Amino acid sequence: MKRHRAWAYYRLTVATALILVTSSLGQDRVGQDRGGGDPRVAWPLIAGALSRAQVSGSLSYWGRCGSHMWRPDFPKIRPSSDSSDSPLEVLQRAFADDTKMRVTQEPGGMIRMAETDAPSDLLDVKISHISFPFAGTDQYGPNYALWPIFSTPEVQAFIAAKHIGLLVSPQMPGGSGFKRVYGELDNVTVSQALDYVVKIFPGFWVYENCPAEDGSSRAVYVAFLEAY
């Protein structure tokens, strides 16, 4: 299948892949001055650190995503001049200017990069059953796995009840070729489902919380970025 060189946003409902609605969750000014990290620096730095250690990770933070954007807005990050350290040390140093960011490593090797005030409510939603790939599609790559995750009744109900604006990017540049996600998951959270995908497509998943463009509501951007 021909891969596009530009990232695309799609509408996500039960049959599509982008929902954009307004939200009033008391996050009025939170995140307004967050983000601003150059993706040309951040993505290669994070991917390189994970790739050298053959581990995957996740990145949860506040930024400034919006329907006009074609790439994620990363947290503030400083370039790293020494790649010989462990990925944990490299990433802790890279995010040293972000006072809210905590970088930890789990026993299995997974690197968690998370701002302490980034809401995890959507990530914590419990899903009774997910089937990969999404019924009726023949798409490949990790970001198409967002369809079966975010089209589940539990996630759709939560998004509707909380009026969360959700932006997901189901296709990005990468080297995954014709690989796709297969399998069945039962009784997992959204974050556990995202972890399942990065076991198949090593890299990191992005969960970016943003104020809406009117400054009074919250949106969420989700994507997979491959590392190796």
N, C-alpha and C. Protein backbone atom coordinates (compact mmCIF):
# COMPACT_ATOMS: atom_id res chain seq x y z
N MET A 1 0.84 -1.18 0.00
CA MET A 1 0.00 0.00 0.00
C MET A 1 0.88 1.24 0.00
N LYS A 2 0.53 2.20 -0.79
CA LYS A 2 1.32 3.43 -0.90
C LYS A 2 1.24 4.23 0.39
N ARG A 3 2.38 4.61 0.91
CA ARG A 3 2.43 5.36 2.16
C ARG A 3 2.51 6.84 1.87
N HIS A 4 1.80 7.64 2.60
CA HIS A 4 1.82 9.08 2.42
C HIS A 4 2.99 9.67 3.18
N ARG A 5 3.47 10.81 2.70
CA ARG A 5 4.58 11.48 3.37
C ARG A 5 4.09 12.57 4.32
N ALA A 6 2.85 12.87 4.28
CA ALA A 6 2.30 13.88 5.20
C ALA A 6 1.38 13.21 6.18
N TRP A 7 1.32 13.74 7.40
CA TRP A 7 0.45 13.18 8.42
C TRP A 7 -0.96 13.69 8.17
N ALA A 8 -1.95 12.87 8.43
CA ALA A 8 -3.34 13.24 8.13
C ALA A 8 -4.21 13.08 9.34
N TYR A 9 -5.23 13.91 9.45
CA TYR A 9 -6.25 13.78 10.48
C TYR A 9 -7.51 13.21 9.84
N TYR A 10 -8.16 12.32 10.52
CA TYR A 10 -9.38 11.71 10.03
C TYR A 10 -10.47 11.84 11.08
N ARG A 11 -11.72 11.75 10.70
CA ARG A 11 -12.83 11.78 11.65
C ARG A 11 -13.01 10.42 12.27
N LEU A 12 -13.10 10.39 13.62
CA LEU A 12 -13.28 9.12 14.33
C LEU A 12 -14.62 9.10 15.05
N THR A 13 -15.53 8.29 14.55
CA THR A 13 -16.72 7.90 15.28
C THR A 13 -16.66 6.39 15.25
N VAL A 14 -17.80 5.69 15.35
CA VAL A 14 -17.76 4.23 15.27
C VAL A 14 -17.21 3.80 13.93
N ALA A 15 -17.47 4.57 12.86
CA ALA A 15 -17.02 4.17 11.53
C ALA A 15 -15.95 5.07 10.96
N THR A 16 -15.54 6.13 11.68
CA THR A 16 -14.54 7.05 11.16
C THR A 16 -13.49 7.33 12.19
N ALA A 17 -12.60 8.32 11.91
CA ALA A 17 -11.48 8.45 12.81
C ALA A 17 -11.08 9.83 13.26
N LEU A 18 -11.97 10.79 13.35
CA LEU A 18 -11.64 12.05 14.04
C LEU A 18 -12.89 12.63 14.66
N ILE A 19 -12.85 12.86 15.96
CA ILE A 19 -13.92 13.58 16.62
C ILE A 19 -13.33 14.90 17.07
N LEU A 20 -13.99 15.99 16.80
CA LEU A 20 -13.57 17.27 17.32
C LEU A 20 -14.79 17.97 17.89
N VAL A 21 -14.90 17.94 19.22
CA VAL A 21 -15.98 18.62 19.90
C VAL A 21 -15.38 19.48 20.98
N THR A 22 -16.15 20.38 21.55
CA THR A 22 -15.64 21.23 22.61
C THR A 22 -15.81 20.57 23.96
N SER A 23 -15.02 21.02 24.91
CA SER A 23 -15.04 20.44 26.24
C SER A 23 -14.87 21.53 27.27
N SER A 24 -15.59 21.41 28.41
CA SER A 24 -15.41 22.36 29.52
C SER A 24 -15.17 21.54 30.77
N LEU A 25 -13.89 21.24 31.03
CA LEU A 25 -13.54 20.33 32.12
C LEU A 25 -12.76 21.03 33.21
N GLY A 26 -12.88 22.35 33.31
CA GLY A 26 -12.15 23.07 34.34
C GLY A 26 -10.69 23.21 34.02
N GLN A 27 -10.29 23.01 32.74
CA GLN A 27 -8.89 23.09 32.36
C GLN A 27 -8.61 24.45 31.71
N ASP A 28 -9.38 25.49 32.07
CA ASP A 28 -9.45 26.72 31.32
C ASP A 28 -8.11 27.22 30.80
N ARG A 29 -7.16 27.45 31.70
CA ARG A 29 -5.89 28.04 31.25
C ARG A 29 -4.75 27.04 31.31
N VAL A 30 -5.00 25.83 31.84
CA VAL A 30 -3.94 24.84 31.95
C VAL A 30 -3.44 24.48 30.57
N GLY A 31 -2.14 24.47 30.38
CA GLY A 31 -1.57 24.05 29.11
C GLY A 31 -1.43 25.16 28.09
N GLN A 32 -1.92 26.36 28.39
CA GLN A 32 -1.89 27.42 27.39
C GLN A 32 -0.46 27.78 26.99
N ASP A 33 0.48 27.72 27.94
CA ASP A 33 1.85 28.08 27.62
C ASP A 33 2.76 26.86 27.60
N ARG A 34 2.18 25.69 27.41
CA ARG A 34 2.96 24.46 27.42
C ARG A 34 3.31 24.05 25.99
N GLY A 35 4.07 22.98 25.88
CA GLY A 35 4.47 22.54 24.55
C GLY A 35 5.56 23.44 24.00
N GLY A 36 5.66 23.48 22.69
CA GLY A 36 6.66 24.34 22.06
C GLY A 36 7.95 23.64 21.72
N GLY A 37 8.06 22.33 22.02
CA GLY A 37 9.26 21.58 21.65
C GLY A 37 9.30 21.32 20.15
N ASP A 38 10.45 21.52 19.54
CA ASP A 38 10.60 21.33 18.10
C ASP A 38 10.54 19.84 17.77
N PRO A 39 9.53 19.39 16.97
CA PRO A 39 9.45 17.97 16.64
C PRO A 39 10.65 17.46 15.86
N ARG A 40 11.33 18.35 15.15
CA ARG A 40 12.52 17.94 14.41
C ARG A 40 13.67 17.56 15.34
N VAL A 41 13.60 18.05 16.58
CA VAL A 41 14.58 17.68 17.61
C VAL A 41 14.03 16.57 18.50
N ALA A 42 12.77 16.74 18.93
CA ALA A 42 12.19 15.84 19.93
C ALA A 42 12.00 14.42 19.42
N TRP A 43 11.38 14.29 18.26
CA TRP A 43 11.08 12.95 17.76
C TRP A 43 12.35 12.12 17.56
N PRO A 44 13.37 12.62 16.81
CA PRO A 44 14.59 11.82 16.64
C PRO A 44 15.31 11.53 17.96
N LEU A 45 15.28 12.50 18.89
CA LEU A 45 15.97 12.29 20.16
C LEU A 45 15.31 11.16 20.95
N ILE A 46 13.98 11.22 21.10
CA ILE A 46 13.27 10.19 21.85
C ILE A 46 13.39 8.84 21.15
N ALA A 47 13.15 8.83 19.83
CA ALA A 47 13.22 7.58 19.07
C ALA A 47 14.61 6.98 19.13
N GLY A 48 15.63 7.81 19.05
CA GLY A 48 17.00 7.32 19.09
C GLY A 48 17.35 6.68 20.42
N ALA A 49 16.93 7.34 21.52
CA ALA A 49 17.21 6.80 22.86
C ALA A 49 16.53 5.45 23.05
N LEU A 50 15.28 5.33 22.61
CA LEU A 50 14.55 4.07 22.74
C LEU A 50 15.14 3.00 21.84
N SER A 51 15.49 3.39 20.62
CA SER A 51 16.00 2.43 19.65
C SER A 51 17.31 1.81 20.09
N ARG A 52 18.22 2.63 20.63
CA ARG A 52 19.51 2.11 21.05
C ARG A 52 19.38 1.05 22.14
N ALA A 53 18.36 1.17 22.98
CA ALA A 53 18.15 0.21 24.06
C ALA A 53 17.13 -0.85 23.69
N GLN A 54 16.53 -0.74 22.47
CA GLN A 54 15.51 -1.69 22.03
C GLN A 54 14.34 -1.76 23.02
N VAL A 55 13.87 -0.61 23.44
CA VAL A 55 12.71 -0.52 24.32
C VAL A 55 11.69 0.45 23.71
N SER A 56 10.47 0.42 24.22
CA SER A 56 9.43 1.34 23.77
C SER A 56 9.03 2.25 24.92
N GLY A 57 8.10 3.17 24.66
CA GLY A 57 7.73 4.11 25.70
C GLY A 57 6.40 4.79 25.44
N SER A 58 6.09 5.74 26.31
CA SER A 58 4.88 6.55 26.16
C SER A 58 5.19 7.96 26.61
N LEU A 59 4.46 8.93 26.03
CA LEU A 59 4.66 10.33 26.32
C LEU A 59 3.30 10.98 26.56
N SER A 60 3.09 11.46 27.79
CA SER A 60 1.81 12.07 28.18
C SER A 60 2.09 13.48 28.69
N TYR A 61 1.41 14.49 28.12
CA TYR A 61 1.78 15.87 28.43
C TYR A 61 0.71 16.86 27.98
N TRP A 62 0.92 18.13 28.35
CA TRP A 62 0.12 19.25 27.89
C TRP A 62 0.83 19.91 26.72
N GLY A 63 0.06 20.26 25.68
CA GLY A 63 0.63 20.96 24.53
C GLY A 63 -0.37 21.90 23.92
N ARG A 64 -0.20 22.14 22.62
CA ARG A 64 -1.05 23.10 21.93
C ARG A 64 -1.55 22.52 20.60
N CYS A 65 -2.11 21.30 20.65
CA CYS A 65 -2.59 20.67 19.43
C CYS A 65 -3.85 21.36 18.93
N GLY A 66 -4.18 21.16 17.68
CA GLY A 66 -5.38 21.75 17.10
C GLY A 66 -5.64 21.17 15.73
N SER A 67 -6.84 21.41 15.21
CA SER A 67 -7.23 20.82 13.94
C SER A 67 -6.38 21.32 12.77
N HIS A 68 -5.69 22.46 12.97
CA HIS A 68 -4.85 23.01 11.90
C HIS A 68 -3.46 22.38 11.89
N MET A 69 -3.10 21.60 12.92
CA MET A 69 -1.75 21.06 13.03
C MET A 69 -1.62 19.74 12.31
N TRP A 70 -0.46 19.49 11.72
CA TRP A 70 -0.22 18.23 11.02
C TRP A 70 0.85 17.39 11.71
N ARG A 71 1.33 17.86 12.88
CA ARG A 71 2.28 17.07 13.65
C ARG A 71 2.12 17.42 15.12
N PRO A 72 2.51 16.52 16.02
CA PRO A 72 2.33 16.80 17.44
C PRO A 72 3.23 17.93 17.93
N ASP A 73 2.74 18.66 18.90
CA ASP A 73 3.49 19.73 19.53
C ASP A 73 4.15 19.13 20.78
N PHE A 74 5.44 18.90 20.75
CA PHE A 74 6.13 18.22 21.84
C PHE A 74 6.36 19.15 23.03
N PRO A 75 6.61 18.55 24.21
CA PRO A 75 7.00 19.38 25.36
C PRO A 75 8.35 20.04 25.11
N LYS A 76 8.68 21.00 25.93
CA LYS A 76 10.00 21.63 25.82
C LYS A 76 11.08 20.57 26.03
N ILE A 77 12.08 20.60 25.17
CA ILE A 77 13.10 19.56 25.21
C ILE A 77 14.44 20.19 24.83
N ARG A 78 15.51 19.74 25.47
CA ARG A 78 16.83 20.26 25.13
C ARG A 78 17.59 19.19 24.35
N PRO A 79 18.33 19.57 23.31
CA PRO A 79 19.09 18.60 22.53
C PRO A 79 20.10 17.88 23.40
N SER A 80 20.34 16.61 23.09
CA SER A 80 21.30 15.82 23.86
C SER A 80 22.57 15.64 23.05
N SER A 81 23.71 15.89 23.68
CA SER A 81 24.99 15.76 23.00
C SER A 81 25.68 14.43 23.30
N ASP A 82 25.12 13.67 24.25
CA ASP A 82 25.74 12.40 24.65
C ASP A 82 24.71 11.30 24.56
N SER A 83 24.90 10.39 23.61
CA SER A 83 23.95 9.29 23.43
C SER A 83 24.46 7.99 24.04
N SER A 84 25.55 8.06 24.79
CA SER A 84 26.13 6.83 25.35
C SER A 84 25.47 6.42 26.66
N ASP A 85 24.71 7.32 27.28
CA ASP A 85 24.04 6.99 28.53
C ASP A 85 22.82 6.11 28.28
N SER A 86 22.22 5.62 29.34
CA SER A 86 21.00 4.82 29.22
C SER A 86 19.87 5.69 28.69
N PRO A 87 18.84 5.08 28.08
CA PRO A 87 17.72 5.90 27.59
C PRO A 87 17.05 6.69 28.70
N LEU A 88 17.00 6.13 29.90
CA LEU A 88 16.41 6.84 31.03
C LEU A 88 17.18 8.12 31.32
N GLU A 89 18.52 8.03 31.35
CA GLU A 89 19.35 9.20 31.63
C GLU A 89 19.27 10.23 30.51
N VAL A 90 19.29 9.75 29.26
CA VAL A 90 19.21 10.65 28.11
C VAL A 90 17.92 11.43 28.14
N LEU A 91 16.79 10.75 28.39
CA LEU A 91 15.49 11.40 28.34
C LEU A 91 15.24 12.28 29.57
N GLN A 92 15.74 11.87 30.72
CA GLN A 92 15.62 12.74 31.90
C GLN A 92 16.36 14.04 31.68
N ARG A 93 17.54 13.97 31.07
CA ARG A 93 18.31 15.18 30.79
C ARG A 93 17.62 16.02 29.71
N ALA A 94 17.05 15.36 28.72
CA ALA A 94 16.40 16.07 27.62
C ALA A 94 15.19 16.87 28.10
N PHE A 95 14.47 16.34 29.10
CA PHE A 95 13.27 17.00 29.61
C PHE A 95 13.52 17.81 30.88
N ALA A 96 14.78 18.09 31.17
CA ALA A 96 15.13 18.77 32.42
C ALA A 96 14.50 20.16 32.54
N ASP A 97 14.18 20.80 31.43
CA ASP A 97 13.59 22.14 31.47
C ASP A 97 12.08 22.10 31.69
N ASP A 98 11.48 20.93 31.63
CA ASP A 98 10.04 20.78 31.86
C ASP A 98 9.85 20.34 33.31
N THR A 99 9.49 21.28 34.18
CA THR A 99 9.42 20.99 35.61
C THR A 99 8.33 19.99 35.97
N LYS A 100 7.36 19.79 35.10
CA LYS A 100 6.27 18.85 35.36
C LYS A 100 6.56 17.44 34.85
N MET A 101 7.59 17.28 34.04
CA MET A 101 7.85 16.00 33.40
C MET A 101 8.60 15.05 34.33
N ARG A 102 8.14 13.80 34.39
CA ARG A 102 8.82 12.74 35.11
C ARG A 102 9.11 11.61 34.13
N VAL A 103 10.35 11.16 34.09
CA VAL A 103 10.75 10.08 33.19
C VAL A 103 11.17 8.90 34.04
N THR A 104 10.47 7.78 33.88
CA THR A 104 10.74 6.58 34.68
C THR A 104 10.81 5.37 33.76
N GLN A 105 11.39 4.30 34.28
CA GLN A 105 11.47 3.06 33.51
C GLN A 105 10.90 1.91 34.32
N GLU A 106 10.00 1.15 33.71
CA GLU A 106 9.36 0.02 34.37
C GLU A 106 10.25 -1.21 34.31
N PRO A 107 10.02 -2.20 35.18
CA PRO A 107 10.86 -3.41 35.19
C PRO A 107 10.98 -4.09 33.83
N GLY A 108 9.92 -4.05 33.02
CA GLY A 108 9.97 -4.68 31.70
C GLY A 108 10.71 -3.86 30.66
N GLY A 109 11.16 -2.65 31.03
CA GLY A 109 11.93 -1.81 30.13
C GLY A 109 11.18 -0.62 29.58
N MET A 110 9.87 -0.60 29.67
CA MET A 110 9.06 0.49 29.12
C MET A 110 9.42 1.82 29.77
N ILE A 111 9.67 2.84 28.93
CA ILE A 111 10.00 4.17 29.41
C ILE A 111 8.74 5.02 29.44
N ARG A 112 8.40 5.58 30.61
CA ARG A 112 7.23 6.44 30.75
C ARG A 112 7.70 7.89 30.89
N MET A 113 7.23 8.73 29.98
CA MET A 113 7.49 10.17 30.04
C MET A 113 6.14 10.83 30.26
N ALA A 114 5.90 11.39 31.44
CA ALA A 114 4.58 11.91 31.76
C ALA A 114 4.67 13.16 32.61
N GLU A 115 3.94 14.19 32.23
CA GLU A 115 3.82 15.38 33.06
C GLU A 115 2.83 15.09 34.19
N THR A 116 3.17 15.52 35.37
CA THR A 116 2.40 15.16 36.56
C THR A 116 0.99 15.73 36.55
N ASP A 117 0.74 16.80 35.80
CA ASP A 117 -0.60 17.39 35.78
C ASP A 117 -1.37 17.06 34.50
N ALA A 118 -0.85 16.15 33.67
CA ALA A 118 -1.56 15.76 32.46
C ALA A 118 -2.68 14.79 32.82
N PRO A 119 -3.93 15.07 32.48
CA PRO A 119 -5.05 14.19 32.84
C PRO A 119 -4.88 12.80 32.22
N SER A 120 -5.16 11.77 33.02
CA SER A 120 -5.06 10.39 32.52
C SER A 120 -6.43 9.72 32.42
N ASP A 121 -7.51 10.53 32.56
CA ASP A 121 -8.85 9.95 32.61
C ASP A 121 -9.18 9.10 31.39
N LEU A 122 -8.85 9.60 30.20
CA LEU A 122 -9.15 8.84 28.98
C LEU A 122 -8.30 7.57 28.90
N LEU A 123 -7.04 7.66 29.33
CA LEU A 123 -6.15 6.50 29.33
C LEU A 123 -6.62 5.41 30.28
N ASP A 124 -7.36 5.81 31.32
CA ASP A 124 -7.79 4.86 32.35
C ASP A 124 -9.12 4.18 32.04
N VAL A 125 -9.77 4.55 30.94
CA VAL A 125 -11.05 3.93 30.59
C VAL A 125 -10.86 2.43 30.35
N LYS A 126 -11.70 1.61 30.96
CA LYS A 126 -11.61 0.15 30.83
C LYS A 126 -12.47 -0.31 29.65
N ILE A 127 -11.89 -1.12 28.79
CA ILE A 127 -12.56 -1.62 27.58
C ILE A 127 -12.77 -3.12 27.74
N SER A 128 -13.98 -3.58 27.49
CA SER A 128 -14.28 -5.01 27.69
C SER A 128 -13.70 -5.89 26.59
N HIS A 129 -13.68 -5.39 25.35
CA HIS A 129 -13.15 -6.22 24.26
C HIS A 129 -12.69 -5.35 23.10
N ILE A 130 -11.52 -5.67 22.56
CA ILE A 130 -10.99 -5.03 21.36
C ILE A 130 -10.56 -6.13 20.40
N SER A 131 -10.91 -5.97 19.14
CA SER A 131 -10.50 -6.92 18.11
C SER A 131 -9.68 -6.18 17.06
N PHE A 132 -8.46 -6.66 16.83
CA PHE A 132 -7.60 -6.10 15.79
C PHE A 132 -7.54 -7.09 14.62
N PRO A 133 -7.53 -6.62 13.35
CA PRO A 133 -7.68 -5.23 12.93
C PRO A 133 -9.13 -4.79 12.97
N PHE A 134 -9.33 -3.51 12.69
CA PHE A 134 -10.68 -2.94 12.69
C PHE A 134 -11.52 -3.58 11.59
N ALA A 135 -12.74 -4.02 11.91
CA ALA A 135 -13.58 -4.72 10.94
C ALA A 135 -13.81 -3.88 9.69
N GLY A 136 -13.63 -4.52 8.55
CA GLY A 136 -13.92 -3.86 7.28
C GLY A 136 -12.81 -2.99 6.74
N THR A 137 -11.63 -2.98 7.38
CA THR A 137 -10.53 -2.16 6.87
C THR A 137 -9.38 -3.06 6.44
N ASP A 138 -8.56 -2.55 5.53
CA ASP A 138 -7.37 -3.27 5.10
C ASP A 138 -6.14 -2.39 5.25
N GLN A 139 -6.14 -1.55 6.31
CA GLN A 139 -5.08 -0.59 6.51
C GLN A 139 -3.94 -1.19 7.35
N TYR A 140 -2.75 -0.62 7.17
CA TYR A 140 -1.56 -1.14 7.82
C TYR A 140 -0.87 -0.03 8.62
N GLY A 141 0.00 -0.44 9.54
CA GLY A 141 0.74 0.51 10.35
C GLY A 141 0.11 0.71 11.71
N PRO A 142 0.88 1.22 12.67
CA PRO A 142 0.40 1.31 14.06
C PRO A 142 -0.76 2.27 14.26
N ASN A 143 -0.80 3.37 13.52
CA ASN A 143 -1.83 4.36 13.79
C ASN A 143 -3.22 3.92 13.37
N TYR A 144 -3.32 2.94 12.49
CA TYR A 144 -4.64 2.40 12.16
C TYR A 144 -5.19 1.56 13.31
N ALA A 145 -4.33 1.16 14.23
CA ALA A 145 -4.79 0.43 15.42
C ALA A 145 -5.56 1.35 16.37
N LEU A 146 -5.48 2.65 16.16
CA LEU A 146 -6.27 3.58 16.97
C LEU A 146 -7.76 3.42 16.70
N TRP A 147 -8.12 3.00 15.51
CA TRP A 147 -9.52 2.85 15.15
C TRP A 147 -10.24 1.88 16.07
N PRO A 148 -9.78 0.62 16.19
CA PRO A 148 -10.50 -0.31 17.07
C PRO A 148 -10.46 0.08 18.53
N ILE A 149 -9.42 0.79 18.97
CA ILE A 149 -9.34 1.20 20.37
C ILE A 149 -10.35 2.31 20.67
N PHE A 150 -10.34 3.36 19.87
CA PHE A 150 -11.16 4.53 20.16
C PHE A 150 -12.57 4.45 19.60
N SER A 151 -12.88 3.36 18.89
CA SER A 151 -14.25 3.15 18.43
C SER A 151 -15.04 2.23 19.36
N THR A 152 -14.41 1.75 20.43
CA THR A 152 -15.12 0.86 21.36
C THR A 152 -16.23 1.63 22.07
N PRO A 153 -17.32 0.94 22.44
CA PRO A 153 -18.45 1.62 23.09
C PRO A 153 -18.06 2.35 24.36
N GLU A 154 -17.15 1.77 25.15
CA GLU A 154 -16.76 2.39 26.42
C GLU A 154 -16.05 3.72 26.19
N VAL A 155 -15.13 3.73 25.21
CA VAL A 155 -14.40 4.96 24.93
C VAL A 155 -15.31 6.01 24.32
N GLN A 156 -16.15 5.59 23.39
CA GLN A 156 -17.08 6.52 22.76
C GLN A 156 -18.02 7.14 23.80
N ALA A 157 -18.50 6.32 24.74
CA ALA A 157 -19.40 6.83 25.77
C ALA A 157 -18.68 7.82 26.67
N PHE A 158 -17.43 7.53 27.03
CA PHE A 158 -16.66 8.41 27.90
C PHE A 158 -16.40 9.75 27.21
N ILE A 159 -16.01 9.69 25.95
CA ILE A 159 -15.75 10.92 25.19
C ILE A 159 -17.00 11.77 25.12
N ALA A 160 -18.14 11.13 24.85
CA ALA A 160 -19.39 11.87 24.75
C ALA A 160 -19.80 12.47 26.09
N ALA A 161 -19.65 11.69 27.16
CA ALA A 161 -20.07 12.16 28.49
C ALA A 161 -19.20 13.31 28.98
N LYS A 162 -17.91 13.26 28.68
CA LYS A 162 -16.98 14.29 29.14
C LYS A 162 -16.77 15.41 28.12
N HIS A 163 -17.36 15.26 26.94
CA HIS A 163 -17.23 16.26 25.87
C HIS A 163 -15.76 16.53 25.55
N ILE A 164 -15.01 15.45 25.37
CA ILE A 164 -13.59 15.55 25.05
C ILE A 164 -13.43 15.68 23.54
N GLY A 165 -12.61 16.62 23.14
CA GLY A 165 -12.26 16.72 21.73
C GLY A 165 -11.09 15.80 21.45
N LEU A 166 -11.27 14.83 20.57
CA LEU A 166 -10.24 13.82 20.31
C LEU A 166 -9.70 13.94 18.90
N LEU A 167 -8.38 14.09 18.80
CA LEU A 167 -7.69 14.11 17.52
C LEU A 167 -6.78 12.89 17.46
N VAL A 168 -6.98 12.03 16.48
CA VAL A 168 -6.07 10.91 16.31
C VAL A 168 -5.53 10.93 14.90
N SER A 169 -4.29 10.52 14.75
CA SER A 169 -3.65 10.51 13.44
C SER A 169 -3.40 9.08 13.01
N PRO A 170 -4.24 8.50 12.14
CA PRO A 170 -4.11 7.10 11.80
C PRO A 170 -3.05 6.78 10.76
N GLN A 171 -2.36 7.76 10.19
CA GLN A 171 -1.31 7.44 9.24
C GLN A 171 -0.19 8.45 9.31
N MET A 172 1.03 7.95 9.41
CA MET A 172 2.21 8.80 9.46
C MET A 172 3.33 8.11 8.71
N PRO A 173 4.40 8.84 8.40
CA PRO A 173 5.54 8.19 7.78
C PRO A 173 6.13 7.14 8.71
N GLY A 174 6.68 6.10 8.14
CA GLY A 174 7.29 5.06 8.96
C GLY A 174 7.79 3.92 8.11
N GLY A 175 8.45 2.96 8.72
CA GLY A 175 9.02 1.85 7.97
C GLY A 175 8.33 0.54 8.22
N SER A 176 7.05 0.57 8.56
CA SER A 176 6.36 -0.66 8.96
C SER A 176 5.87 -1.48 7.78
N GLY A 177 5.94 -0.93 6.56
CA GLY A 177 5.56 -1.69 5.39
C GLY A 177 4.12 -2.17 5.45
N PHE A 178 3.93 -3.49 5.32
CA PHE A 178 2.58 -4.05 5.31
C PHE A 178 2.23 -4.74 6.63
N LYS A 179 2.95 -4.40 7.69
CA LYS A 179 2.67 -4.98 8.99
C LYS A 179 1.39 -4.38 9.56
N ARG A 180 0.63 -5.18 10.29
CA ARG A 180 -0.58 -4.67 10.92
C ARG A 180 -0.76 -5.34 12.28
N VAL A 181 -1.66 -4.81 13.08
CA VAL A 181 -1.91 -5.34 14.41
C VAL A 181 -3.01 -6.40 14.34
N TYR A 182 -2.73 -7.56 14.93
CA TYR A 182 -3.71 -8.63 15.04
C TYR A 182 -3.90 -8.99 16.51
N GLY A 183 -5.04 -9.58 16.82
CA GLY A 183 -5.24 -10.11 18.17
C GLY A 183 -6.53 -9.66 18.80
N GLU A 184 -6.78 -10.17 19.99
CA GLU A 184 -7.97 -9.84 20.78
C GLU A 184 -7.51 -9.43 22.18
N LEU A 185 -8.10 -8.38 22.70
CA LEU A 185 -7.82 -7.94 24.06
C LEU A 185 -9.12 -7.87 24.84
N ASP A 186 -9.09 -8.33 26.09
CA ASP A 186 -10.27 -8.28 26.95
C ASP A 186 -9.94 -7.58 28.26
N ASN A 187 -10.85 -6.73 28.70
CA ASN A 187 -10.74 -6.05 29.99
C ASN A 187 -9.40 -5.34 30.16
N VAL A 188 -9.12 -4.43 29.25
CA VAL A 188 -7.89 -3.64 29.30
C VAL A 188 -8.24 -2.16 29.31
N THR A 189 -7.34 -1.35 29.84
CA THR A 189 -7.51 0.10 29.76
C THR A 189 -7.01 0.59 28.41
N VAL A 190 -7.34 1.83 28.09
CA VAL A 190 -6.85 2.43 26.85
C VAL A 190 -5.32 2.40 26.83
N SER A 191 -4.68 2.75 27.93
CA SER A 191 -3.21 2.76 27.96
C SER A 191 -2.63 1.37 27.76
N GLN A 192 -3.27 0.35 28.30
CA GLN A 192 -2.79 -1.01 28.09
C GLN A 192 -2.94 -1.44 26.63
N ALA A 193 -4.01 -0.99 26.00
CA ALA A 193 -4.20 -1.28 24.58
C ALA A 193 -3.13 -0.59 23.74
N LEU A 194 -2.79 0.65 24.09
CA LEU A 194 -1.74 1.36 23.37
C LEU A 194 -0.39 0.67 23.57
N ASP A 195 -0.14 0.17 24.78
CA ASP A 195 1.09 -0.58 25.05
C ASP A 195 1.17 -1.83 24.19
N TYR A 196 0.03 -2.49 23.98
CA TYR A 196 -0.02 -3.70 23.15
C TYR A 196 0.46 -3.40 21.73
N VAL A 197 0.08 -2.24 21.22
CA VAL A 197 0.45 -1.89 19.85
C VAL A 197 1.94 -1.63 19.74
N VAL A 198 2.55 -0.95 20.74
CA VAL A 198 3.99 -0.67 20.63
C VAL A 198 4.85 -1.91 20.85
N LYS A 199 4.24 -2.99 21.30
CA LYS A 199 4.98 -4.26 21.33
C LYS A 199 5.14 -4.81 19.92
N ILE A 200 4.21 -4.46 19.04
CA ILE A 200 4.25 -4.92 17.66
C ILE A 200 4.99 -3.92 16.79
N PHE A 201 4.79 -2.64 17.05
CA PHE A 201 5.48 -1.56 16.34
C PHE A 201 6.31 -0.79 17.35
N PRO A 202 7.55 -1.21 17.63
CA PRO A 202 8.36 -0.56 18.67
C PRO A 202 8.50 0.95 18.42
N GLY A 203 8.35 1.69 19.48
CA GLY A 203 8.42 3.14 19.42
C GLY A 203 7.78 3.73 20.65
N PHE A 204 7.00 4.78 20.49
CA PHE A 204 6.31 5.36 21.65
C PHE A 204 4.97 5.93 21.22
N TRP A 205 4.01 5.87 22.15
CA TRP A 205 2.73 6.50 21.86
C TRP A 205 2.66 7.85 22.54
N VAL A 206 1.98 8.78 21.87
CA VAL A 206 1.84 10.16 22.31
C VAL A 206 0.41 10.40 22.77
N TYR A 207 0.26 10.98 23.93
CA TYR A 207 -1.04 11.36 24.48
C TYR A 207 -0.91 12.81 24.90
N GLU A 208 -1.34 13.71 24.02
CA GLU A 208 -1.16 15.15 24.23
C GLU A 208 -2.50 15.81 24.59
N ASN A 209 -2.54 16.45 25.75
CA ASN A 209 -3.72 17.20 26.18
C ASN A 209 -3.53 18.66 25.81
N CYS A 210 -4.58 19.29 25.29
CA CYS A 210 -4.48 20.67 24.84
C CYS A 210 -5.74 21.46 25.18
N PRO A 211 -5.59 22.75 25.50
CA PRO A 211 -6.78 23.61 25.56
C PRO A 211 -7.33 23.73 24.15
N ALA A 212 -8.65 23.84 24.02
CA ALA A 212 -9.22 24.09 22.70
C ALA A 212 -8.81 25.47 22.23
N GLU A 213 -9.03 25.74 20.97
CA GLU A 213 -8.55 26.99 20.39
C GLU A 213 -9.22 28.22 21.00
N ASP A 214 -10.40 28.05 21.60
CA ASP A 214 -11.06 29.20 22.23
C ASP A 214 -10.57 29.43 23.66
N GLY A 215 -9.65 28.58 24.14
CA GLY A 215 -9.05 28.75 25.45
C GLY A 215 -9.90 28.31 26.61
N SER A 216 -11.06 27.70 26.36
CA SER A 216 -11.94 27.34 27.47
C SER A 216 -12.28 25.85 27.52
N SER A 217 -11.64 25.06 26.71
CA SER A 217 -11.97 23.64 26.67
C SER A 217 -10.74 22.80 26.33
N ARG A 218 -10.89 21.48 26.41
CA ARG A 218 -9.77 20.56 26.28
C ARG A 218 -9.93 19.64 25.08
N ALA A 219 -8.82 19.41 24.40
CA ALA A 219 -8.77 18.43 23.33
C ALA A 219 -7.65 17.45 23.65
N VAL A 220 -7.66 16.29 22.99
CA VAL A 220 -6.62 15.27 23.19
C VAL A 220 -6.14 14.79 21.84
N TYR A 221 -4.83 14.70 21.68
CA TYR A 221 -4.22 14.17 20.46
C TYR A 221 -3.53 12.85 20.80
N VAL A 222 -3.76 11.82 19.99
CA VAL A 222 -3.16 10.50 20.22
C VAL A 222 -2.51 10.02 18.94
N ALA A 223 -1.29 9.47 19.04
CA ALA A 223 -0.61 8.94 17.87
C ALA A 223 0.48 7.95 18.30
N PHE A 224 0.87 7.10 17.37
CA PHE A 224 2.02 6.22 17.55
C PHE A 224 3.16 6.74 16.69
N LEU A 225 4.36 6.79 17.26
CA LEU A 225 5.57 7.17 16.52
C LEU A 225 6.55 6.02 16.60
N GLU A 226 6.92 5.48 15.46
CA GLU A 226 7.82 4.33 15.45
C GLU A 226 9.26 4.78 15.70
N ALA A 227 10.02 3.90 16.36
CA ALA A 227 11.40 4.23 16.71
C ALA A 227 12.41 3.33 16.02
N TYR A 228 12.06 2.07 15.77
CA TYR A 228 13.03 1.16 15.14
C TYR A 228 12.30 -0.04 14.57
